[in-house]
Protein backbone atom coordinates (compact mmCIF):
# COMPACT_ATOMS: atom_id res chain seq x y z
CA MET A 1 295.96 92.68 235.96
CA SER A 2 299.75 92.86 235.80
CA GLY A 3 301.52 89.45 236.83
CA ASP A 4 298.18 87.93 237.08
CA SER A 5 298.91 84.41 235.83
CA LEU A 6 297.33 81.19 235.99
CA ALA A 7 300.97 79.21 235.08
CA PRO A 8 301.58 76.04 237.20
CA GLU A 9 303.67 77.98 239.70
CA ALA A 10 301.11 80.23 240.52
CA VAL A 11 298.22 77.86 240.73
CA GLU A 12 299.97 74.67 241.95
CA PRO A 13 300.82 75.95 245.31
CA LEU A 14 297.37 76.83 245.96
CA LEU A 15 295.94 73.28 245.47
CA THR A 16 294.39 71.73 248.35
CA GLY A 17 292.79 68.40 246.95
CA ARG A 18 293.37 65.99 244.14
CA PHE A 19 291.68 68.12 241.41
CA GLY A 20 294.00 69.93 239.78
CA ARG A 21 296.61 67.34 239.15
CA PRO A 22 298.23 66.90 236.72
CA TYR A 23 297.83 70.59 235.45
CA ALA A 24 298.13 71.11 231.90
CA TYR A 25 298.43 75.03 230.78
CA ALA A 26 298.66 76.70 227.73
CA GLU A 27 299.18 80.41 227.06
CA ARG A 28 296.78 80.17 224.16
CA CYS A 29 294.84 77.24 222.52
CA GLU A 30 291.77 76.53 220.67
CA SER A 31 289.88 75.26 223.61
CA THR A 32 290.53 73.55 227.03
CA GLN A 33 287.83 71.27 226.22
CA THR A 34 290.09 70.05 223.47
CA LEU A 35 293.33 70.44 225.61
CA ILE A 36 292.54 68.43 228.08
CA ASP A 37 294.21 64.75 227.85
CA ARG A 38 291.16 62.47 228.27
CA SER A 39 293.16 59.65 228.88
CA GLY A 40 294.53 61.14 232.33
CA PRO A 41 293.13 60.42 235.76
CA GLU A 42 290.12 62.05 237.53
CA GLY A 43 290.46 65.71 238.30
CA ALA A 44 292.94 66.30 235.79
CA VAL A 45 292.81 70.08 234.33
CA ALA A 46 293.56 71.88 231.71
CA VAL A 47 293.99 76.12 231.82
CA ALA A 48 294.50 78.48 229.11
CA GLU A 49 294.86 82.29 229.13
CA GLU A 50 293.20 82.66 225.80
CA GLN A 51 290.80 80.49 223.50
CA THR A 52 290.88 81.08 219.97
CA ALA A 53 287.67 78.79 219.65
CA GLY A 54 286.27 78.76 223.03
CA ARG A 55 282.51 77.75 223.10
CA GLY A 56 279.65 77.56 225.56
CA ARG A 57 276.44 75.74 225.48
CA LEU A 58 274.60 75.35 222.10
CA ARG A 59 278.08 76.00 220.60
CA ARG A 60 277.77 79.81 221.11
CA ALA A 61 281.35 81.23 221.16
CA TRP A 62 283.10 81.94 224.41
CA GLU A 63 285.36 84.96 224.04
CA ALA A 64 287.41 86.76 226.50
CA PRO A 65 291.00 88.94 226.05
CA ARG A 66 294.04 87.21 227.24
CA GLY A 67 294.69 86.90 230.65
CA SER A 68 291.17 88.17 231.67
CA SER A 69 289.35 85.04 232.77
CA ILE A 70 289.13 81.55 234.49
CA LEU A 71 289.00 79.27 231.40
CA CYS A 72 289.37 75.65 232.54
CA SER A 73 288.13 72.40 231.94
CA ILE A 74 288.00 69.34 234.32
CA LEU A 75 288.16 65.80 233.51
CA LEU A 76 285.60 63.55 235.27
CA ARG A 77 285.26 59.77 235.36
CA PRO A 78 281.70 59.26 236.83
CA PRO A 79 280.09 55.65 236.87
CA PRO A 80 277.72 54.38 234.89
CA GLY A 81 274.13 54.98 235.70
CA PRO A 82 273.68 58.59 236.99
CA ASP A 83 272.42 61.28 234.87
CA LEU A 84 275.46 63.10 233.59
CA ALA A 85 273.33 66.18 232.81
CA GLN A 86 273.48 67.10 236.37
CA LEU A 87 277.43 67.76 236.44
CA SER A 88 276.54 71.11 234.75
CA LEU A 89 274.55 71.95 237.91
CA VAL A 90 277.26 70.47 240.06
CA GLY A 91 280.02 72.37 238.17
CA GLY A 92 277.42 75.71 238.48
CA LEU A 93 277.31 75.29 242.02
CA ALA A 94 280.95 75.37 242.53
CA ALA A 95 281.42 78.54 240.29
CA ALA A 96 278.54 80.50 241.99
CA GLU A 97 280.10 79.38 245.23
CA ALA A 98 283.85 80.48 244.28
CA VAL A 99 282.19 84.09 242.70
CA GLU A 100 280.66 84.55 245.90
CA ASP A 101 283.66 84.16 248.33
CA ALA A 102 285.44 86.71 245.68
CA LEU A 103 282.97 89.33 245.48
CA GLY A 104 281.29 89.03 249.00
CA LEU A 105 278.00 89.22 247.23
CA ALA A 106 274.98 86.39 246.30
CA ALA A 107 275.43 84.69 243.26
CA GLN A 108 272.80 82.71 241.48
CA ILE A 109 272.29 79.74 239.13
CA LYS A 110 270.36 80.25 235.69
CA TRP A 111 269.17 76.70 234.80
CA PRO A 112 271.01 74.65 233.31
CA ASN A 113 274.76 76.32 233.65
CA ASP A 114 274.85 80.10 233.84
CA VAL A 115 275.93 81.98 237.07
CA MET A 116 274.65 85.25 237.56
CA VAL A 117 275.52 88.25 239.84
CA ASN A 118 273.04 91.18 239.68
CA ARG A 119 271.19 89.82 236.94
CA ARG A 120 274.12 89.49 234.76
CA LYS A 121 276.19 86.53 233.74
CA VAL A 122 279.56 86.22 235.02
CA ALA A 123 280.16 82.55 234.50
CA GLY A 124 279.30 79.64 232.43
CA VAL A 125 279.58 75.63 232.68
CA LEU A 126 279.90 73.36 230.08
CA ALA A 127 279.53 69.41 230.63
CA GLU A 128 280.56 67.25 227.47
CA SER A 129 280.38 63.32 227.79
CA ARG A 130 281.92 60.97 225.61
CA GLU A 131 282.72 57.27 226.22
CA ASP A 132 283.38 56.91 229.93
CA VAL A 133 284.40 60.15 230.82
CA VAL A 134 283.02 63.88 231.34
CA VAL A 135 285.02 67.21 230.60
CA LEU A 136 283.63 69.78 232.71
CA GLY A 137 284.37 73.57 231.06
CA ILE A 138 283.92 76.44 233.22
CA GLY A 139 284.67 80.04 232.40
CA ILE A 140 284.42 82.86 234.65
CA ASN A 141 284.83 86.65 233.54
CA VAL A 142 287.39 87.81 236.21
CA SER A 143 288.96 91.41 234.87
CA GLN A 144 287.32 92.43 231.68
CA GLU A 145 286.23 96.04 231.47
CA ARG A 146 282.66 96.56 230.30
CA THR A 147 283.89 97.11 226.50
CA GLU A 148 285.89 93.88 226.70
CA LEU A 149 282.70 91.79 227.58
CA PRO A 150 281.14 90.25 224.33
CA PRO A 151 278.19 92.07 222.85
CA ALA A 152 276.84 89.04 221.81
CA THR A 153 276.18 87.68 225.34
CA VAL A 154 272.75 88.92 227.25
CA ALA A 155 273.53 90.78 230.12
CA PRO A 156 277.62 89.94 230.61
CA ALA A 157 279.59 91.20 233.32
CA SER A 158 282.60 90.18 234.96
CA LEU A 159 283.97 90.40 238.62
CA ARG A 160 285.58 93.53 237.95
CA THR A 161 282.25 95.11 236.37
CA VAL A 162 280.56 93.99 239.73
CA ASP A 163 282.35 95.42 242.37
CA GLY A 164 285.33 97.72 240.33
CA ALA A 165 287.96 95.70 242.27
CA ALA A 166 291.05 93.78 240.75
CA HIS A 167 290.59 89.84 241.42
CA GLU A 168 293.90 87.53 241.55
CA ARG A 169 292.75 84.50 239.38
CA ALA A 170 294.82 81.98 240.80
CA PRO A 171 293.32 81.97 244.27
CA LEU A 172 290.07 82.14 242.43
CA LEU A 173 290.83 79.06 240.25
CA ALA A 174 291.84 77.16 243.66
CA SER A 175 289.23 77.92 245.25
CA LEU A 176 286.80 76.76 242.21
CA LEU A 177 288.64 73.34 241.79
CA ALA A 178 288.12 72.66 245.59
CA ARG A 179 284.57 73.33 245.32
CA VAL A 180 283.78 71.28 242.11
CA GLU A 181 285.70 68.59 243.77
CA HIS A 182 283.67 68.42 247.15
CA ASN A 183 280.47 69.26 245.23
CA TYR A 184 281.36 66.14 242.60
CA ASP A 185 282.25 63.93 245.64
CA GLY A 186 278.90 64.60 247.22
CA TRP A 187 277.19 64.03 243.89
CA LEU A 188 278.96 60.48 243.51
CA ASP A 189 277.43 59.74 246.97
CA ARG A 190 274.16 60.85 247.09
CA GLY A 191 273.38 62.47 243.69
CA LEU A 192 271.85 65.72 243.59
CA ASP A 193 270.18 65.70 247.06
CA ALA A 194 273.93 66.34 248.20
CA ILE A 195 273.97 69.88 246.88
CA TYR A 196 270.25 70.47 246.25
CA ASP A 197 270.08 73.10 249.07
CA GLY A 198 272.74 75.18 247.56
CA LEU A 199 270.97 74.94 244.19
CA GLY A 200 267.33 75.71 245.40
CA SER A 201 268.72 78.89 247.14
CA ARG A 202 270.61 80.38 244.38
CA ASP A 203 267.60 79.46 242.08
CA PHE A 204 267.58 82.68 239.27
CA LEU A 205 264.73 81.53 237.23
CA ARG A 206 262.28 80.76 240.31
CA GLY A 207 259.32 83.05 240.08
CA ARG A 208 260.24 84.36 236.92
CA THR A 209 258.08 84.14 233.36
CA VAL A 210 260.09 82.25 231.18
CA THR A 211 259.57 80.70 227.76
CA VAL A 212 261.21 77.51 226.69
CA ASP A 213 260.32 75.55 223.63
CA GLY A 214 257.80 78.06 222.60
CA ALA A 215 255.72 77.70 225.93
CA THR A 216 255.66 80.74 228.32
CA GLY A 217 254.87 80.18 232.26
CA GLU A 218 256.26 80.63 235.76
CA ALA A 219 259.37 78.83 236.69
CA VAL A 220 258.49 77.01 239.93
CA GLY A 221 262.21 75.66 240.15
CA ILE A 222 264.86 73.34 239.89
CA SER A 223 263.63 69.72 240.58
CA ARG A 224 265.62 66.96 242.63
CA ALA A 225 266.57 65.47 239.47
CA GLY A 226 267.95 68.61 237.82
CA ALA A 227 265.39 69.31 235.65
CA LEU A 228 263.46 72.69 235.33
CA VAL A 229 260.05 72.66 236.51
CA VAL A 230 257.72 75.39 234.88
CA GLU A 231 253.99 75.99 235.12
CA VAL A 232 252.19 76.78 231.85
CA GLY A 233 248.51 77.28 231.99
CA GLY A 234 248.12 75.82 235.39
CA GLU A 235 250.10 72.65 234.16
CA LEU A 236 253.45 71.93 235.54
CA ARG A 237 255.64 70.59 232.91
CA THR A 238 259.35 69.41 233.55
CA ILE A 239 261.83 70.72 231.12
CA GLU A 240 265.03 68.17 231.03
CA ALA A 241 266.86 70.47 228.41
CA GLY A 242 266.18 73.15 225.79
CA GLU A 243 266.69 77.19 225.60
CA VAL A 244 265.20 79.12 228.14
CA THR A 245 264.67 82.79 228.23
CA TYR A 246 263.26 85.23 230.70
CA LYS A 247 261.18 88.18 231.19
CA ARG A 248 263.50 90.94 232.49
């Protein structure tokens, strides 16, 4: 979209909370995960119009044309003790809520870190912990045409390919940051219980035939600890991490 920028002057006036301050911005960088200053305060954000070495989970490449997506990383300083893997779900729910608000359509969360609309992936989350900080990377496909979506990604989509409309990225980013802050604060207070209703109602894999770690079964749902529960041969298995594929 012409003039659709994530520069500070476009985004900072829209911020309503502490997340997004300070706001680091680059036209182009390797990855916002490395652009962010890990010594900064909680809620600091790094944003780029284009990444040359962006990556998602399992070190998959995250590719998007310049100025077509939300590409951001958020610095978190959680206290010792909680399961930090749950932060992927905290970020995933925030992304799903922001996408729903932009589209007026329901979004779902594919455990552990993808956001789906109409069975297609529109967003992904990557939580990386190091020492006492977590960097939460979130990518949302916004204005790509179908031919601009990465062919290696399974069932990709953008907000534009979903509804055919142009969406301004600055309000979407501000909405995302506010929702991450709200969900994260709830998680700090009560753990995953604080957002569990939102996760459960958007569980994409529930009831689907899935394969994980070589075993095939039916996904029962996301547990209150953030794991995926799968019924395999009448036995319930709790999956803490792994690559999940599902029957389409």
